[in-house]
Protein backbone atom coordinates (compact mmCIF):
# COMPACT_ATOMS: atom_id res chain seq x y z
CA UNK A 1 225.34 153.97 119.05
CA UNK A 2 229.23 154.27 119.78
CA UNK A 3 229.92 156.38 116.99
CA UNK A 4 227.63 159.01 118.12
CA UNK A 5 228.85 158.89 121.67
CA UNK A 6 232.30 159.44 120.22
CA UNK A 7 231.04 162.26 118.14
CA UNK A 8 232.09 160.56 114.93
CA UNK A 9 228.49 160.64 113.54
CA UNK A 10 225.54 163.00 114.39
CA UNK A 11 222.61 161.69 116.69
CA UNK A 12 220.39 162.24 113.76
CA UNK A 13 222.54 160.20 111.28
CA UNK A 14 222.94 157.25 113.42
CA UNK A 15 219.21 157.15 113.80
CA UNK A 16 218.33 157.54 109.92
CA UNK A 17 221.21 154.61 109.18
CA UNK A 18 219.91 152.38 112.12
CA UNK A 19 216.40 152.81 110.52
CA UNK A 20 217.71 151.94 107.03
CA UNK A 21 219.74 148.86 108.39
CA UNK A 22 216.55 147.28 110.36
CA UNK A 23 214.33 148.13 107.15
CA UNK A 24 216.92 146.58 104.91
CA UNK A 25 217.44 143.43 107.20
CA UNK A 26 213.78 142.73 107.75
CA UNK A 27 213.38 143.37 103.59
CA UNK A 28 215.85 140.81 103.20
CA UNK A 29 214.27 138.30 105.41
CA UNK A 30 210.95 138.38 103.80
CA UNK A 31 212.66 138.21 100.38
CA UNK A 32 214.09 134.90 101.26
CA UNK A 33 210.73 133.70 102.72
CA UNK A 34 209.25 134.04 99.22
CA UNK A 35 210.83 130.94 97.62
CA UNK A 36 213.04 129.75 100.59
CA UNK A 37 216.05 130.87 98.69
CA UNK A 38 219.23 133.15 99.89
CA UNK A 39 218.75 135.85 97.65
CA UNK A 40 218.77 139.88 98.06
CA UNK A 41 217.09 140.53 94.90
CA UNK A 42 213.54 142.41 94.50
CA UNK A 43 211.15 140.09 92.52
CA UNK A 44 209.89 141.34 88.93
CA UNK A 45 206.62 139.47 89.49
CA UNK A 46 204.13 141.83 90.48
CA UNK A 47 202.22 139.34 92.74
CA UNK A 48 205.59 138.65 94.70
CA UNK A 49 205.96 142.40 94.95
CA UNK A 50 202.67 142.93 96.60
CA UNK A 51 203.19 139.97 99.00
CA UNK A 52 206.28 141.36 99.91
CA UNK A 53 205.06 144.83 100.57
CA UNK A 54 202.19 143.23 102.82
CA UNK A 55 204.84 141.28 104.46
CA UNK A 56 206.72 144.53 105.18
CA UNK A 57 203.47 146.17 106.46
CA UNK A 58 202.82 148.68 103.73
CA UNK A 59 199.51 148.96 101.72
CA UNK A 60 200.95 148.31 98.46
CA UNK A 61 204.36 147.67 96.74
CA UNK A 62 204.58 151.66 95.54
CA UNK A 63 204.38 152.60 99.26
CA UNK A 64 207.14 150.23 100.16
CA UNK A 65 209.41 151.17 97.25
CA UNK A 66 209.38 154.88 98.07
CA UNK A 67 210.42 153.92 101.80
CA UNK A 68 213.09 151.83 100.26
CA UNK A 69 214.30 154.44 97.93
CA UNK A 70 214.20 157.01 100.64
CA UNK A 71 216.55 154.59 102.94
CA UNK A 72 218.86 154.11 99.98
CA UNK A 73 219.45 157.70 99.40
CA UNK A 74 220.51 158.49 103.10
CA UNK A 75 222.74 155.50 103.14
CA UNK A 76 224.51 156.41 99.76
CA UNK A 77 224.80 160.32 100.92
CA UNK A 78 226.67 158.98 104.18
CA UNK A 79 228.65 156.48 102.37
CA UNK A 80 229.84 158.99 99.91
CA UNK A 81 230.60 161.67 102.60
CA UNK A 82 232.76 159.07 104.90
CA UNK A 83 234.73 157.21 101.89
CA UNK A 84 235.50 160.42 100.05
CA UNK A 85 238.64 159.88 97.75
CA UNK A 86 239.38 163.42 97.57
CA UNK A 87 242.53 164.42 99.73
CA UNK A 88 242.64 167.57 101.80
CA UNK A 89 245.04 169.96 99.86
CA UNK A 90 248.33 170.77 101.85
CA UNK A 91 248.64 174.17 100.07
CA UNK A 92 245.60 176.15 99.73
CA UNK A 93 247.33 178.68 97.68
CA UNK A 94 245.42 177.80 94.54
CA UNK A 95 242.26 178.72 96.50
CA UNK A 96 243.41 181.86 98.12
CA UNK A 97 240.64 183.75 96.29
CA UNK A 98 238.18 181.68 98.49
CA UNK A 99 240.10 180.53 101.73
CA UNK A 100 241.18 183.09 104.33
CA UNK A 101 240.26 186.57 104.68
CA UNK A 102 241.02 188.21 101.19
CA UNK A 103 238.69 191.46 100.72
CA UNK A 104 237.36 192.96 97.53
CA UNK A 105 240.23 194.92 96.42
CA UNK A 106 242.98 192.34 96.52
CA UNK A 107 240.39 189.78 95.00
CA UNK A 108 239.70 192.00 92.06
CA UNK A 109 243.20 192.11 91.06
CA UNK A 110 243.65 188.25 91.01
CA UNK A 111 240.57 187.65 89.06
CA UNK A 112 241.42 190.59 86.50
CA UNK A 113 244.84 188.81 86.18
CA UNK A 114 242.97 185.30 85.65
CA UNK A 115 241.11 186.96 82.80
CA UNK A 116 237.70 188.24 84.45
CA UNK A 117 236.83 191.27 82.83
CA UNK A 118 233.95 192.14 85.42
CA UNK A 119 236.22 191.10 88.31
CA UNK A 120 235.32 193.77 91.01
CA UNK A 121 231.49 192.69 90.91
CA UNK A 122 232.58 188.93 91.02
CA UNK A 123 234.96 189.66 94.03
CA UNK A 124 231.88 191.12 95.65
CA UNK A 125 229.80 187.97 95.02
CA UNK A 126 232.43 185.66 96.41
CA UNK A 127 232.85 187.72 99.43
CA UNK A 128 229.21 187.93 99.86
CA UNK A 129 228.79 184.06 99.61
CA UNK A 130 231.85 183.58 101.95
CA UNK A 131 230.41 185.54 104.63
CA UNK A 132 227.02 184.60 104.25
CA UNK A 133 224.77 183.20 106.95
CA UNK A 134 224.02 180.01 104.64
CA UNK A 135 227.56 179.22 104.07
CA UNK A 136 228.66 179.73 107.90
CA UNK A 137 225.70 177.43 108.82
CA UNK A 138 226.66 174.60 106.63
CA UNK A 139 227.77 171.51 108.16
CA UNK A 140 231.75 171.28 108.41
CA UNK A 141 231.77 168.56 105.59
CA UNK A 142 229.68 170.44 103.39
CA UNK A 143 231.42 173.74 103.94
CA UNK A 144 234.76 171.62 103.25
CA UNK A 145 233.64 170.50 99.98
CA UNK A 146 232.41 173.81 99.07
CA UNK A 147 235.80 175.39 99.90
CA UNK A 148 237.30 172.87 97.32
CA UNK A 149 234.95 173.20 94.60
CA UNK A 150 234.66 177.26 94.47
CA UNK A 151 238.49 177.60 93.47
CA UNK A 152 238.29 174.92 90.97
CA UNK A 153 235.33 176.41 89.25
CA UNK A 154 236.92 179.96 89.28
CA UNK A 155 239.72 178.37 87.44
CA UNK A 156 237.63 176.22 84.97
CA UNK A 157 235.34 179.29 84.26
CA UNK A 158 238.27 181.56 83.90
CA UNK A 159 239.20 179.18 80.56
CA UNK A 160 236.07 179.63 79.18
CA UNK A 161 235.32 182.11 76.38
CA UNK A 162 232.48 183.72 78.75
CA UNK A 163 234.16 183.74 82.03
CA UNK A 164 232.02 186.68 83.14
CA UNK A 165 228.95 184.88 82.75
CA UNK A 166 229.83 181.35 83.40
CA UNK A 167 231.23 181.80 87.18
CA UNK A 168 228.03 183.54 88.58
CA UNK A 169 225.89 180.91 86.90
CA UNK A 170 227.98 178.25 88.58
CA UNK A 171 228.04 180.30 91.87
CA UNK A 172 224.32 180.39 91.75
CA UNK A 173 223.83 176.51 91.33
CA UNK A 174 226.31 175.83 94.10
CA UNK A 175 224.26 178.27 96.62
CA UNK A 176 221.19 176.56 95.63
CA UNK A 177 222.64 172.97 96.47
CA UNK A 178 225.03 173.63 99.18
CA UNK A 179 222.60 172.72 101.91
CA UNK A 180 221.99 169.34 100.30
CA UNK A 181 225.10 167.28 101.17
CA UNK A 182 224.33 164.57 98.49
CA UNK A 183 224.96 166.91 95.78
CA UNK A 184 228.32 168.58 96.99
CA UNK A 185 229.55 165.16 97.86
CA UNK A 186 228.71 164.06 94.16
CA UNK A 187 230.70 167.12 92.74
CA UNK A 188 233.69 166.37 94.98
CA UNK A 189 233.78 162.91 94.22
CA UNK A 190 233.44 162.98 90.23
CA UNK A 191 235.79 165.77 89.19
CA UNK A 192 235.08 164.86 85.61
CA UNK A 193 231.72 166.41 85.99
CA UNK A 194 233.13 170.02 86.74
CA UNK A 195 234.23 170.64 83.45
CA UNK A 196 231.06 169.83 81.63
CA UNK A 197 229.26 171.70 84.15
CA UNK A 198 231.48 174.59 83.44
CA UNK A 199 231.06 174.41 79.71
CA UNK A 200 227.20 174.37 79.95
CA UNK A 201 227.17 177.26 82.54
CA UNK A 202 229.55 179.23 79.77
CA UNK A 203 227.29 178.22 76.90
CA UNK A 204 223.69 178.95 78.09
CA UNK A 205 222.10 180.83 80.97
CA UNK A 206 218.82 179.04 80.14
CA UNK A 207 220.70 175.68 80.78
CA UNK A 208 222.00 177.11 83.85
CA UNK A 209 218.80 178.09 85.31
CA UNK A 210 217.39 174.35 84.17
CA UNK A 211 220.11 172.78 86.47
CA UNK A 212 219.30 175.28 89.29
CA UNK A 213 215.55 174.21 89.41
CA UNK A 214 216.75 170.43 88.80
CA UNK A 215 219.85 169.71 90.37
CA UNK A 216 218.92 165.91 90.56
CA UNK A 217 220.30 166.04 86.58
CA UNK A 218 223.81 166.94 87.71
CA UNK A 219 224.15 162.82 87.67
CA UNK A 220 223.38 162.87 83.91
CA UNK A 221 226.72 164.49 83.50
CA UNK A 222 228.46 161.85 84.90
CA UNK A 223 228.66 159.53 81.86
CA UNK A 224 229.59 161.43 78.64
CA UNK A 225 228.73 158.31 76.33
CA UNK A 226 225.21 158.49 77.61
CA UNK A 227 224.56 162.31 77.53
CA UNK A 228 225.54 162.60 74.28
CA UNK A 229 223.84 159.82 72.72
CA UNK A 230 220.82 160.40 70.61
CA UNK A 231 217.53 159.27 71.93
CA UNK A 232 216.18 155.78 71.14
CA UNK A 233 212.57 156.75 71.59
CA UNK A 234 211.17 153.11 71.50
CA UNK A 235 213.49 152.10 74.29
CA UNK A 236 212.80 155.08 76.17
CA UNK A 237 208.95 154.55 76.04
CA UNK A 238 209.51 150.72 77.15
CA UNK A 239 211.73 152.12 80.05
CA UNK A 240 208.99 154.57 80.91
CA UNK A 241 206.27 152.26 81.04
CA UNK A 242 208.31 149.89 83.21
CA UNK A 243 208.62 152.55 85.72
CA UNK A 244 205.12 153.86 85.64
CA UNK A 245 203.78 150.03 86.39
CA UNK A 246 205.72 150.13 89.35
CA UNK A 247 203.57 153.06 90.84
CA UNK A 248 200.32 152.01 89.04
CA UNK A 249 198.19 152.72 92.23
CA UNK A 250 199.40 156.14 92.73
CA UNK A 251 198.75 158.86 90.47
CA UNK A 252 201.01 161.55 92.09
CA UNK A 253 204.36 159.16 91.87
CA UNK A 254 203.51 158.25 88.32
CA UNK A 255 203.13 162.08 87.61
CA UNK A 256 206.43 162.67 89.42
CA UNK A 257 207.94 159.96 87.40
CA UNK A 258 206.91 161.56 84.23
CA UNK A 259 208.22 164.72 85.31
CA UNK A 260 211.64 163.33 86.34
CA UNK A 261 211.82 161.40 82.83
CA UNK A 262 210.98 164.56 80.88
CA UNK A 263 213.51 166.63 82.44
CA UNK A 264 216.23 164.25 82.12
CA UNK A 265 215.33 163.76 78.38
CA UNK A 266 215.21 167.61 77.87
CA UNK A 267 218.73 167.86 79.71
CA UNK A 268 220.14 165.00 77.40
CA UNK A 269 219.09 167.02 74.40
CA UNK A 270 220.20 170.46 75.68
CA UNK A 271 223.50 168.55 76.43
CA UNK A 272 223.99 167.47 72.96
CA UNK A 273 222.73 171.00 71.55
CA UNK A 274 225.36 172.73 73.23
CA UNK A 275 228.05 170.43 71.74
CA UNK A 276 226.23 171.08 68.27
CA UNK A 277 225.59 167.52 67.88
CA UNK A 278 222.03 168.21 66.69
CA UNK A 279 220.73 170.36 64.17
CA UNK A 280 218.14 172.63 65.01
CA UNK A 281 215.61 170.59 62.90
CA UNK A 282 216.55 167.28 64.47
CA UNK A 283 216.35 168.83 68.12
CA UNK A 284 212.86 170.08 67.39
CA UNK A 285 211.78 166.62 66.40
CA UNK A 286 213.21 165.03 69.18
CA UNK A 287 211.70 167.84 71.64
CA UNK A 288 207.98 167.07 69.70
CA UNK A 289 208.60 163.21 70.10
CA UNK A 290 209.11 163.82 73.80
CA UNK A 291 206.19 166.07 74.07
CA UNK A 292 203.84 163.55 72.11
CA UNK A 293 205.22 160.64 74.85
CA UNK A 294 204.41 162.65 77.63
CA UNK A 295 200.94 163.80 76.43
CA UNK A 296 200.44 160.06 75.46
CA UNK A 297 201.26 159.07 79.37
CA UNK A 298 199.32 161.73 80.79
CA UNK A 299 196.06 161.09 78.88
CA UNK A 300 196.47 157.29 79.92
CA UNK A 301 197.17 158.34 83.61
CA UNK A 302 194.16 160.61 83.80
CA UNK A 303 192.01 158.34 81.96
CA UNK A 304 192.17 155.55 84.32
CA UNK A 305 190.33 158.03 86.59
CA UNK A 306 187.02 158.34 84.91
CA UNK A 307 183.71 156.95 85.00
CA UNK A 308 183.78 155.79 81.44
CA UNK A 309 185.40 152.40 80.37
CA UNK A 310 189.04 152.75 79.84
CA UNK A 311 190.66 153.70 77.54
CA UNK A 312 188.54 156.87 77.17
CA UNK A 313 187.35 157.68 73.37
CA UNK A 314 189.47 160.86 73.37
CA UNK A 315 192.40 162.36 71.68
CA UNK A 316 194.85 165.19 71.96
CA UNK A 317 195.36 167.40 69.00
CA UNK A 318 198.44 169.50 68.55
CA UNK A 319 198.60 172.89 66.98
CA UNK A 320 201.40 175.46 66.44
CA UNK A 321 205.04 174.70 67.07
CA UNK A 322 203.96 171.26 68.46
CA UNK A 323 201.94 170.36 65.64
CA UNK A 324 204.53 171.53 63.20
CA UNK A 325 206.99 169.51 64.91
CA UNK A 326 209.11 172.83 65.46
CA UNK A 327 209.13 172.82 69.16
CA UNK A 328 211.70 174.68 71.46
CA UNK A 329 212.83 173.78 75.09
CA UNK A 330 210.27 176.25 76.92
CA UNK A 331 207.54 176.81 74.14
CA UNK A 332 203.80 176.21 75.26
CA UNK A 333 201.88 173.25 74.19
CA UNK A 334 198.92 174.31 71.75
CA UNK A 335 196.51 171.61 72.34
CA UNK A 336 192.67 171.24 72.04
CA UNK A 337 190.94 167.99 73.14
CA UNK A 338 188.34 165.79 70.91
CA UNK A 339 186.40 163.04 71.82
CA UNK A 340 183.49 160.54 70.07
CA UNK A 341 181.51 158.91 72.60
CA UNK A 342 177.45 158.41 73.03
CA UNK A 343 177.60 158.18 76.40
CA UNK A 344 174.92 160.80 77.60
CA UNK A 345 177.00 162.38 80.18
CA UNK A 346 180.42 162.22 77.72
CA UNK A 347 180.70 165.80 77.41
CA UNK A 348 180.73 166.57 81.24
CA UNK A 349 182.98 163.67 81.96
CA UNK A 350 185.55 164.50 79.07
CA UNK A 351 185.62 168.03 79.96
CA UNK A 352 186.73 166.76 83.59
CA UNK A 353 189.14 164.75 82.08
CA UNK A 354 190.54 167.49 80.02
CA UNK A 355 190.76 169.85 83.24
CA UNK A 356 192.65 166.95 84.82
CA UNK A 357 195.10 166.53 81.81
CA UNK A 358 195.73 170.30 81.76
CA UNK A 359 196.42 170.62 85.39
CA UNK A 360 198.70 167.68 85.18
CA UNK A 361 200.76 169.06 82.36
CA UNK A 362 200.80 172.89 83.97
CA UNK A 363 201.00 172.41 87.75
CA UNK A 364 204.05 173.43 89.47
CA UNK A 365 205.26 170.96 92.03
CA UNK A 366 208.37 170.06 93.91
CA UNK A 367 209.50 168.01 91.16
CA UNK A 368 208.77 170.99 88.54
CA UNK A 369 206.41 171.27 85.65
CA UNK A 370 205.96 169.73 82.70
CA UNK A 371 204.73 172.02 80.00
CA UNK A 372 202.78 175.36 79.89
CA UNK A 373 199.58 175.02 77.87
CA UNK A 374 197.53 177.21 75.50
CA UNK A 375 194.40 175.84 74.74
CA UNK A 376 192.89 178.99 72.74
CA UNK A 377 192.67 177.38 69.43
CA UNK A 378 189.71 175.33 70.44
CA UNK A 379 186.49 176.01 68.65
CA UNK A 380 185.34 179.56 69.63
CA UNK A 381 188.50 179.89 71.44
CA UNK A 382 188.88 180.97 75.11
CA UNK A 383 184.86 181.44 75.37
CA UNK A 384 184.49 177.83 74.04
CA UNK A 385 184.18 174.36 75.63
CA UNK A 386 187.16 172.99 77.19
CA UNK A 387 186.47 169.82 74.81
CA UNK A 388 184.44 169.05 71.58
CA UNK A 389 182.91 166.15 69.83
CA UNK A 390 184.43 165.20 66.61
CA UNK A 391 181.27 166.05 65.04
CA UNK A 392 181.06 169.28 66.61
CA UNK A 393 184.66 170.11 65.53
CA UNK A 394 184.02 169.13 61.99
CA UNK A 395 180.51 171.33 61.83
CA UNK A 396 182.33 174.37 63.56
CA UNK A 397 185.39 174.30 61.07
CA UNK A 398 182.92 174.14 57.89
CA UNK A 399 180.60 176.84 59.00
CA UNK A 400 181.85 179.07 61.66
CA UNK A 401 185.67 178.79 61.38
CA UNK A 402 187.50 182.01 60.79
CA UNK A 403 190.28 182.15 58.16
CA UNK A 404 193.10 182.32 60.55
CA UNK A 405 191.42 179.23 62.21
CA UNK A 406 191.86 177.47 58.94
CA UNK A 407 195.67 178.57 58.70
CA UNK A 408 196.23 177.20 62.27
CA UNK A 409 194.76 173.87 61.11
CA UNK A 410 197.58 173.64 58.29
CA UNK A 411 200.03 172.84 61.54
CA UNK A 412 197.63 170.70 63.39
CA UNK A 413 198.13 166.96 63.90
CA UNK A 414 196.81 164.18 66.04
CA UNK A 415 199.46 163.34 68.90
CA UNK A 416 198.11 161.05 71.54
CA UNK A 417 194.90 158.97 72.64
CA UNK A 418 192.32 157.17 70.38
CA UNK A 419 193.97 156.42 67.25
CA UNK A 420 190.67 155.88 65.49
CA UNK A 421 189.89 159.44 66.54
CA UNK A 422 193.16 160.75 65.42
CA UNK A 423 192.50 159.14 61.69
CA UNK A 424 189.22 160.76 61.66
CA UNK A 425 190.74 164.09 62.61
CA UNK A 426 193.02 163.87 59.77
CA UNK A 427 190.60 163.19 57.23
CA UNK A 428 188.43 166.09 58.48
CA UNK A 429 191.59 168.17 58.29
CA UNK A 430 192.58 167.26 54.84
CA UNK A 431 189.06 167.75 53.55
CA UNK A 432 189.03 171.05 55.10
CA UNK A 433 192.25 172.32 53.77
CA UNK A 434 191.34 170.99 50.44
CA UNK A 435 188.15 172.96 49.90
CA UNK A 436 188.48 175.56 47.07
CA UNK A 437 188.68 178.94 47.97
CA UNK A 438 188.29 182.38 46.52
CA UNK A 439 192.06 183.62 46.13
CA UNK A 440 191.00 187.20 46.51
CA UNK A 441 188.83 186.77 49.54
CA UNK A 442 191.55 184.46 51.34
CA UNK A 443 194.51 187.00 50.16
CA UNK A 444 192.55 189.76 51.85
CA UNK A 445 192.03 187.69 55.09
CA UNK A 446 195.39 186.34 55.43
CA UNK A 447 196.62 190.24 55.04
CA UNK A 448 194.15 191.52 57.46
CA UNK A 449 195.38 189.04 60.09
CA UNK A 450 198.88 189.91 59.74
CA UNK A 451 198.02 193.48 60.03
CA UNK A 452 196.62 192.68 63.35
CA UNK A 453 199.54 190.93 64.63
CA UNK A 454 201.74 193.57 63.54
CA UNK A 455 199.71 196.11 65.53
CA UNK A 456 199.85 194.09 68.45
CA UNK A 457 203.49 193.68 68.33
CA UNK A 458 204.88 196.76 67.37
CA UNK A 459 208.31 197.43 67.34
CA UNK A 460 210.01 200.91 67.73
CA UNK A 461 213.24 200.02 68.20
CA UNK A 462 216.44 199.98 65.93
CA UNK A 463 216.49 196.09 66.15
CA UNK A 464 214.77 193.50 64.01
CA UNK A 465 212.36 191.24 65.63
CA UNK A 466 213.03 187.88 64.22
CA UNK A 467 209.52 186.60 64.93
CA UNK A 468 207.09 189.64 64.54
CA UNK A 469 208.73 192.18 62.01
CA UNK A 470 208.06 192.21 58.00
CA UNK A 471 210.28 189.71 56.91
CA UNK A 472 210.36 187.39 59.83
CA UNK A 473 209.23 184.01 60.77
CA UNK A 474 205.55 184.77 61.08
CA UNK A 475 205.69 186.32 57.40
CA UNK A 476 207.26 183.06 56.02
CA UNK A 477 204.43 180.96 58.18
CA UNK A 478 201.70 183.00 56.54
CA UNK A 479 203.22 182.53 53.24
CA UNK A 480 203.30 178.92 53.69
CA UNK A 481 199.62 178.71 55.03
CA UNK A 482 198.46 181.03 52.24
CA UNK A 483 199.92 178.41 49.82
CA UNK A 484 198.16 175.46 51.22
CA UNK A 485 194.83 177.17 51.79
CA UNK A 486 195.03 178.44 47.95
CA UNK A 487 196.22 175.47 46.12
CA UNK A 488 195.54 172.32 48.19
CA UNK A 489 192.18 171.59 46.15
CA UNK A 490 194.49 171.06 43.09
CA UNK A 491 197.47 169.62 45.21
CA UNK A 492 196.48 167.62 48.33
CA UNK A 493 199.88 166.68 48.84
CA UNK A 494 200.27 170.07 50.36
CA UNK A 495 198.20 169.38 53.33
CA UNK A 496 200.86 167.05 54.67
CA UNK A 497 202.35 168.49 57.82
CA UNK A 498 205.69 168.12 57.18
CA UNK A 499 206.97 171.81 58.23
CA UNK A 500 207.51 174.90 56.56
CA UNK A 501 210.72 174.30 55.00
CA UNK A 502 209.54 171.07 53.25
CA UNK A 503 206.20 172.86 52.00
CA UNK A 504 208.08 175.46 50.45
CA UNK A 505 210.12 173.36 48.92
CA UNK A 506 207.16 171.34 47.78
CA UNK A 507 205.40 174.64 46.25
CA UNK A 508 208.44 175.22 44.25
CA UNK A 509 208.36 171.89 42.65
CA UNK A 510 204.78 172.32 41.79
CA UNK A 511 205.69 175.45 40.17
CA UNK A 512 203.51 177.68 42.67
CA UNK A 513 206.71 179.73 43.37
CA UNK A 514 210.15 179.96 41.81
CA UNK A 515 212.70 177.53 42.95
CA UNK A 516 215.56 180.12 43.78
CA UNK A 517 213.19 182.71 45.93
CA UNK A 518 211.67 179.29 47.59
CA UNK A 519 215.47 178.02 48.49
CA UNK A 520 216.19 181.76 49.66
CA UNK A 521 213.27 181.86 51.99
CA UNK A 522 213.90 178.25 53.37
CA UNK A 523 217.67 179.43 54.00
CA UNK A 524 216.35 182.70 55.77
CA UNK A 525 213.55 180.71 57.91
CA UNK A 526 216.49 178.30 59.22
CA UNK A 527 218.76 181.38 60.12
CA UNK A 528 215.77 183.02 61.64
CA UNK A 529 215.21 180.23 63.88
CA UNK A 530 218.66 179.50 64.38
CA UNK A 531 219.21 182.99 65.63
CA UNK A 532 215.99 182.90 67.87
CA UNK A 533 217.28 179.59 69.49
CA UNK A 534 220.62 181.07 70.36
CA UNK A 535 218.90 184.10 71.95
CA UNK A 536 216.34 181.98 74.17
CA UNK A 537 219.45 179.71 75.13
CA UNK A 538 220.73 182.89 76.96
CA UNK A 539 217.17 183.79 78.26
CA UNK A 540 216.61 186.66 75.97
CA UNK A 541 212.92 187.30 76.33
CA UNK A 542 212.67 189.18 72.89
CA UNK A 543 213.75 187.82 69.70
CA UNK A 544 215.73 190.94 68.62
CA UNK A 545 218.83 191.47 66.64
CA UNK A 546 220.49 194.14 64.76
CA UNK A 547 219.53 194.65 61.51
CA UNK A 548 222.65 194.25 59.60
CA UNK A 549 222.83 190.47 61.08
CA UNK A 550 220.22 189.03 58.44
CA UNK A 551 218.61 190.01 54.93
CA UNK A 552 215.33 189.27 54.53
CA UNK A 553 214.71 191.01 51.00
CA UNK A 554 213.62 187.46 49.67
CA UNK A 555 210.74 187.14 51.82
CA UNK A 556 209.29 190.67 51.45
CA UNK A 557 209.82 189.79 47.58
CA UNK A 558 207.71 186.64 47.99
CA UNK A 559 205.35 188.08 50.30
CA UNK A 560 204.79 191.07 47.71
CA UNK A 561 204.26 188.54 44.66
CA UNK A 562 201.80 186.22 46.55
CA UNK A 563 199.86 188.65 48.81
CA UNK A 564 200.59 192.30 47.63
């Protein structure tokens, strides 16, 4: 109270710290009541946790823990602000671009000398930020921190190979977090984070936008040993289960925990990717493993709220990029839902469960979103039921499915839910893919579908579309699908969902295609995926490049040989 009277702290901060202190002292007392011991540690035992929450006046442990975390955040922020180790500079010459009243013409000249090509636009941006209401209304400590950070970032970005893009990306992030003192304090307290953040901004616009959307991930940049370490999915699964168990009675908190976990793991993989520590194939494997883990937990969380016995007799089947384990950062999840249950209301109950799962995955919240989903590959497409029984799925695939649906089945796999349903699905899938087919009819249907896709994605530009144009990724995927559907009845090993490159290699080993052309097409597929990945890291919506960047003759040759 005295600090507030002396204007050393605001009344609001004093009130927050006072409430936190009283809460923590009360919590300490109740901890010591439990076993009559001098302790300040929260117990691991669930029963003791609930007793503790009741003693604190909360309905359950999750509610008490949420309040504790809120108090901790407030105290940590104030501690960081008050005990800053950053000294105020005596000479602000290095920050002359930001401090004082330097205007656009003079600032433009200095930025040009630092190596910025687009110096005039950047000078205008800096002046606009400095004169904005947002900046002028910041609390004095936050303004001082921003005053130190911006000159540092100007210098750091100037040293990158992509300075003109890096600086605006960093400035956008700083503007986004400027009203959240804890983030500015974090950047000011840990200067080792600044070069890592600058490198990310320079390397990828998509990565920068990801940080703007999820600034809490800045903390992940603190320990380079951790952020550049490949994920251990078994350990991460156990860690996630522990956190979810702490919120067992609160679905919203569990979903927020899942979102934080997913965003954190995507960012870890992104940081490794930008440092070239992962091949694209391994990155896709990790992103697919992450999606499988999230789907499994979303199903468990949503499944606890059905009127059927738990666990539900229900599974999620992955198609497309996830099914083929070629998932990218922002790719949709192509999924369908299957169940096997004799309950008379099973269809309606599992339809509600599927809707709940889809909503949990794709809804935007304050913590962000997990994944966009695409459910159109279910039987009868968008007009079909949201869920299918395993029997109905098998009957549809045998009697009604179009060839393009059988093509899609080559990249389908069980990814979450009831394991026995997953095993039965795999058996159905293998049997369907191994059915003998008339090659001429199959060829005609595949060509017809490919033409429809070309018509729907016309490219009148002088650029090459890596995905849709002739010789692109879709051509290669169709070639693989044709080989599987045409020859799996003689070579069941082709039904293995091992990816396009592995299947092309296996087809060559079986003498279905020449080994030399198979290798050439594999190399092209890798190159096209890598180029598309690079474009999307910089938010290029279209996968188009100059035609002289890649030669696709082997793909066209193989297409002509197999499909005409």
